[in-house]
Amino acid sequence: MNLAHFLPRRLVAAVVIATASTAAFAQAPASPPAAPEPPKPACTKQSEFPGNLASDRMKRGWIAEVNAYIACLKKFAEEQGALAQAHAKAAGAAIDEYNATVKMANEVIK
């Protein structure tokens, strides 16, 4: 058997064994943690409408309850929107970093 003919096969076999052993010991990527349950507004919902036969005072009280509930929901929505924007910005920064790293790695490999 020719030594020059035998050496490449041996090299190929070593590469295959090294690759297989690396794959065998590689850990599966960790799955991301489950997203927490989104918060719910802590707003007190208005009582039932007192009816058309109720006094004006009762109707005005009910309207005040509705307005307070609406204001609370609006505040909650604005707070959650601000949090969502911050998270979206952080996710965008991570994506940009990922893309830059992949681009750099691809340029080094070429």
C-alpha atoms as a PDB file:
ATOM      1  CA  MET A   1       0.000   0.000   0.000  1.00  0.00           C
ATOM      2  CA  ASN A   2       1.259   3.449  -0.921  1.00  0.00           C
ATOM      3  CA  LEU A   3       1.902   5.737   2.086  1.00  0.00           C
ATOM      4  CA  ALA A   4       0.720   8.835   0.191  1.00  0.00           C
ATOM      5  CA  HIS A   5      -2.533   7.051  -0.568  1.00  0.00           C
ATOM      6  CA  PHE A   6      -2.968   5.892   3.047  1.00  0.00           C
ATOM      7  CA  LEU A   7      -2.285   9.283   4.711  1.00  0.00           C
ATOM      8  CA  PRO A   8      -5.281  11.191   3.324  1.00  0.00           C
ATOM      9  CA  ARG A   9      -7.675   8.429   4.397  1.00  0.00           C
ATOM     10  CA  ARG A  10      -6.215   8.511   7.863  1.00  0.00           C
ATOM     11  CA  LEU A  11      -6.542  12.296   7.974  1.00  0.00           C
ATOM     12  CA  VAL A  12     -10.153  12.097   6.790  1.00  0.00           C
ATOM     13  CA  ALA A  13     -10.894   9.450   9.405  1.00  0.00           C
ATOM     14  CA  ALA A  14      -9.377  11.625  12.150  1.00  0.00           C
ATOM     15  CA  VAL A  15     -11.457  14.613  11.065  1.00  0.00           C
ATOM     16  CA  VAL A  16     -14.627  12.497  10.995  1.00  0.00           C
ATOM     17  CA  ILE A  17     -13.924  11.084  14.459  1.00  0.00           C
ATOM     18  CA  ALA A  18     -13.129  14.541  15.877  1.00  0.00           C
ATOM     19  CA  THR A  19     -16.284  15.996  14.376  1.00  0.00           C
ATOM     20  CA  ALA A  20     -18.429  13.121  15.631  1.00  0.00           C
ATOM     21  CA  SER A  21     -17.009  13.329  19.141  1.00  0.00           C
ATOM     22  CA  THR A  22     -17.556  17.101  19.221  1.00  0.00           C
ATOM     23  CA  ALA A  23     -21.165  16.654  18.138  1.00  0.00           C
ATOM     24  CA  ALA A  24     -21.689  13.882  20.665  1.00  0.00           C
ATOM     25  CA  PHE A  25     -20.540  16.057  23.581  1.00  0.00           C
ATOM     26  CA  ALA A  26     -22.227  19.240  22.422  1.00  0.00           C
ATOM     27  CA  GLN A  27     -25.022  20.434  24.648  1.00  0.00           C
ATOM     28  CA  ALA A  28     -28.391  21.286  23.266  1.00  0.00           C
ATOM     29  CA  PRO A  29     -29.028  25.021  23.372  1.00  0.00           C
ATOM     30  CA  ALA A  30     -31.026  26.092  26.380  1.00  0.00           C
ATOM     31  CA  SER A  31     -34.601  26.948  25.590  1.00  0.00           C
ATOM     32  CA  PRO A  32     -35.558  30.492  26.520  1.00  0.00           C
ATOM     33  CA  PRO A  33     -37.469  30.861  29.764  1.00  0.00           C
ATOM     34  CA  ALA A  34     -41.215  31.021  29.511  1.00  0.00           C
ATOM     35  CA  ALA A  35     -42.547  34.535  29.258  1.00  0.00           C
ATOM     36  CA  PRO A  36     -44.110  35.743  32.490  1.00  0.00           C
ATOM     37  CA  GLU A  37     -47.827  36.310  32.631  1.00  0.00           C
ATOM     38  CA  PRO A  38     -48.507  39.883  31.514  1.00  0.00           C
ATOM     39  CA  PRO A  39     -49.770  42.176  34.259  1.00  0.00           C
ATOM     40  CA  LYS A  40     -53.390  43.141  34.468  1.00  0.00           C
ATOM     41  CA  PRO A  41     -54.565  46.619  35.365  1.00  0.00           C
ATOM     42  CA  ALA A  42     -55.407  47.155  39.022  1.00  0.00           C
ATOM     43  CA  CYS A  43     -58.305  49.420  38.129  1.00  0.00           C
ATOM     44  CA  THR A  44     -61.604  49.291  39.967  1.00  0.00           C
ATOM     45  CA  LYS A  45     -64.401  48.798  37.468  1.00  0.00           C
ATOM     46  CA  GLN A  46     -67.443  50.975  37.794  1.00  0.00           C
ATOM     47  CA  SER A  47     -70.609  49.645  39.366  1.00  0.00           C
ATOM     48  CA  GLU A  48     -73.684  48.875  37.302  1.00  0.00           C
ATOM     49  CA  PHE A  49     -75.502  51.779  35.776  1.00  0.00           C
ATOM     50  CA  PRO A  50     -78.078  52.915  38.326  1.00  0.00           C
ATOM     51  CA  GLY A  51     -80.822  53.172  35.705  1.00  0.00           C
ATOM     52  CA  ASN A  52     -82.761  55.969  34.130  1.00  0.00           C
ATOM     53  CA  LEU A  53     -85.012  56.352  37.164  1.00  0.00           C
ATOM     54  CA  ALA A  54     -82.022  57.005  39.481  1.00  0.00           C
ATOM     55  CA  SER A  55     -81.357  60.467  40.855  1.00  0.00           C
ATOM     56  CA  ASP A  56     -79.029  62.839  39.053  1.00  0.00           C
ATOM     57  CA  ARG A  57     -76.607  62.526  41.963  1.00  0.00           C
ATOM     58  CA  MET A  58     -76.403  58.736  41.483  1.00  0.00           C
ATOM     59  CA  LYS A  59     -75.939  59.142  37.736  1.00  0.00           C
ATOM     60  CA  ARG A  60     -73.168  61.732  38.246  1.00  0.00           C
ATOM     61  CA  GLY A  61     -71.494  59.384  40.739  1.00  0.00           C
ATOM     62  CA  TRP A  62     -71.623  56.555  38.212  1.00  0.00           C
ATOM     63  CA  ILE A  63     -70.185  58.794  35.474  1.00  0.00           C
ATOM     64  CA  ALA A  64     -67.350  59.750  37.857  1.00  0.00           C
ATOM     65  CA  GLU A  65     -66.652  56.031  38.448  1.00  0.00           C
ATOM     66  CA  VAL A  66     -66.572  55.402  34.694  1.00  0.00           C
ATOM     67  CA  ASN A  67     -64.211  58.333  34.121  1.00  0.00           C
ATOM     68  CA  ALA A  68     -61.891  57.135  36.916  1.00  0.00           C
ATOM     69  CA  TYR A  69     -61.877  53.620  35.445  1.00  0.00           C
ATOM     70  CA  ILE A  70     -61.111  54.946  31.961  1.00  0.00           C
ATOM     71  CA  ALA A  71     -58.288  57.144  33.322  1.00  0.00           C
ATOM     72  CA  CYS A  72     -56.804  54.188  35.195  1.00  0.00           C
ATOM     73  CA  LEU A  73     -56.917  51.977  32.079  1.00  0.00           C
ATOM     74  CA  LYS A  74     -55.347  54.737  29.986  1.00  0.00           C
ATOM     75  CA  LYS A  75     -52.511  55.187  32.505  1.00  0.00           C
ATOM     76  CA  PHE A  76     -51.920  51.421  32.614  1.00  0.00           C
ATOM     77  CA  ALA A  77     -51.832  51.224  28.800  1.00  0.00           C
ATOM     78  CA  GLU A  78     -49.320  54.100  28.593  1.00  0.00           C
ATOM     79  CA  GLU A  79     -47.068  52.497  31.237  1.00  0.00           C
ATOM     80  CA  GLN A  80     -47.153  49.126  29.488  1.00  0.00           C
ATOM     81  CA  GLY A  81     -46.499  50.784  26.129  1.00  0.00           C
ATOM     82  CA  ALA A  82     -43.389  52.482  27.535  1.00  0.00           C
ATOM     83  CA  LEU A  83     -42.152  49.141  28.883  1.00  0.00           C
ATOM     84  CA  ALA A  84     -42.824  47.473  25.544  1.00  0.00           C
ATOM     85  CA  GLN A  85     -40.842  50.157  23.712  1.00  0.00           C
ATOM     86  CA  ALA A  86     -37.879  49.622  26.046  1.00  0.00           C
ATOM     87  CA  HIS A  87     -38.012  45.860  25.451  1.00  0.00           C
ATOM     88  CA  ALA A  88     -38.312  46.334  21.693  1.00  0.00           C
ATOM     89  CA  LYS A  89     -35.284  48.646  21.747  1.00  0.00           C
ATOM     90  CA  ALA A  90     -33.255  46.078  23.705  1.00  0.00           C
ATOM     91  CA  ALA A  91     -34.308  43.316  21.299  1.00  0.00           C
ATOM     92  CA  GLY A  92     -33.320  45.494  18.326  1.00  0.00           C
ATOM     93  CA  ALA A  93     -29.893  46.146  19.871  1.00  0.00           C
ATOM     94  CA  ALA A  94     -29.381  42.402  20.406  1.00  0.00           C
ATOM     95  CA  ILE A  95     -30.360  41.710  16.779  1.00  0.00           C
ATOM     96  CA  ASP A  96     -27.929  44.382  15.550  1.00  0.00           C
ATOM     97  CA  GLU A  97     -25.123  42.858  17.653  1.00  0.00           C
ATOM     98  CA  TYR A  98     -25.977  39.383  16.348  1.00  0.00           C
ATOM     99  CA  ASN A  99     -25.927  40.588  12.735  1.00  0.00           C
ATOM    100  CA  ALA A 100     -22.604  42.391  13.227  1.00  0.00           C
ATOM    101  CA  THR A 101     -21.038  39.307  14.822  1.00  0.00           C
ATOM    102  CA  VAL A 102     -22.259  36.981  12.065  1.00  0.00           C
ATOM    103  CA  LYS A 103     -21.015  39.410   9.391  1.00  0.00           C
ATOM    104  CA  MET A 104     -17.599  39.641  11.067  1.00  0.00           C
ATOM    105  CA  ALA A 105     -17.363  35.846  11.426  1.00  0.00           C
ATOM    106  CA  ASN A 106     -18.329  35.327   7.776  1.00  0.00           C
ATOM    107  CA  GLU A 107     -15.678  37.833   6.650  1.00  0.00           C
ATOM    108  CA  VAL A 108     -12.995  36.103   8.744  1.00  0.00           C
ATOM    109  CA  ILE A 109     -13.953  32.691   7.367  1.00  0.00           C
ATOM    110  CA  LYS A 110     -13.763  33.818   3.725  1.00  0.00           C
END
